[in-house]
Amino acid sequence: MRGSEKWAVRITEFKESGKSQRVWCREQGIKRSTLRYWLERTYEEAEGKQVRFARIVIGGEPDDSNKTI
């Protein structure tokens, strides 16, 4: 099971628990910031949002060397 699949299950468990983030995280032994990260990430995935990267060239025209910064 991938990390995102594992967290989708954990998010469902959290929501069904009816507990606050603070209480649920303490009981599960995870950081609250981790839960918030995965709540946001699963929300973005459900909305079809993806992280995309763009190449940025600083100081001139791009060359063919494919060097990245």
Protein backbone atom coordinates (compact mmCIF):
# COMPACT_ATOMS: atom_id res chain seq x y z
CA MET A 1 0.00 0.00 0.00
CA ARG A 2 1.39 3.40 -1.02
CA GLY A 3 1.78 6.18 1.52
CA SER A 4 -1.13 8.15 0.10
CA GLU A 5 -3.36 5.06 0.19
CA LYS A 6 -2.38 4.39 3.80
CA TRP A 7 -3.16 7.97 4.72
CA ALA A 8 -6.50 7.90 2.90
CA VAL A 9 -7.49 5.09 5.27
CA ARG A 10 -6.15 6.98 8.29
CA ILE A 11 -7.99 10.15 7.26
CA THR A 12 -11.23 8.16 7.04
CA GLU A 13 -10.57 6.72 10.50
CA PHE A 14 -9.90 10.21 11.86
CA LYS A 15 -13.09 11.66 10.38
CA GLU A 16 -15.21 8.75 11.57
CA SER A 17 -13.78 9.02 15.09
CA GLY A 18 -15.42 12.38 15.69
CA LYS A 19 -12.40 13.37 17.76
CA SER A 20 -10.42 16.57 17.50
CA GLN A 21 -7.15 16.52 15.60
CA ARG A 22 -5.22 17.01 18.81
CA VAL A 23 -6.86 14.09 20.64
CA TRP A 24 -6.81 11.70 17.68
CA CYS A 25 -3.14 12.40 16.94
CA ARG A 26 -2.12 11.93 20.55
CA GLU A 27 -3.91 8.57 20.62
CA GLN A 28 -2.32 7.49 17.32
CA GLY A 29 1.15 8.73 18.25
CA ILE A 30 1.52 11.01 15.25
CA LYS A 31 2.24 14.71 14.92
CA ARG A 32 -0.73 16.96 14.32
CA SER A 33 1.16 18.73 11.53
CA THR A 34 1.47 15.37 9.75
CA LEU A 35 -2.28 14.85 9.92
CA ARG A 36 -2.91 18.37 8.62
CA TYR A 37 -0.48 17.81 5.74
CA TRP A 38 -2.28 14.63 4.67
CA LEU A 39 -5.73 16.18 5.12
CA GLU A 40 -4.70 18.94 2.70
CA ARG A 41 -3.02 16.55 0.31
CA THR A 42 -5.97 14.15 0.11
CA TYR A 43 -8.29 17.14 -0.38
CA GLU A 44 -6.13 18.39 -3.26
CA GLU A 45 -6.06 14.93 -4.85
CA ALA A 46 -9.84 14.70 -4.59
CA GLU A 47 -10.11 18.08 -6.30
CA GLY A 48 -7.79 16.91 -9.08
CA LYS A 49 -5.04 19.36 -8.20
CA GLN A 50 -1.47 18.33 -8.90
CA VAL A 51 1.87 19.82 -8.04
CA ARG A 52 3.74 20.80 -11.18
CA PHE A 53 7.22 22.16 -11.59
CA ALA A 54 8.42 24.66 -14.14
CA ARG A 55 11.95 25.22 -15.31
CA ILE A 56 13.22 28.71 -14.56
CA VAL A 57 16.18 30.17 -16.40
CA ILE A 58 18.06 32.92 -14.61
CA GLY A 59 20.33 35.31 -16.45
CA GLY A 60 19.77 34.58 -20.09
CA GLU A 61 18.47 32.22 -22.66
CA PRO A 62 18.16 28.50 -21.92
CA ASP A 63 20.83 26.29 -23.39
CA ASP A 64 20.75 22.67 -24.50
CA SER A 65 22.79 21.36 -21.59
CA ASN A 66 19.65 20.54 -19.54
CA LYS A 67 21.28 21.79 -16.36
CA THR A 68 18.78 22.63 -13.65
CA ILE A 69 19.05 24.94 -10.71
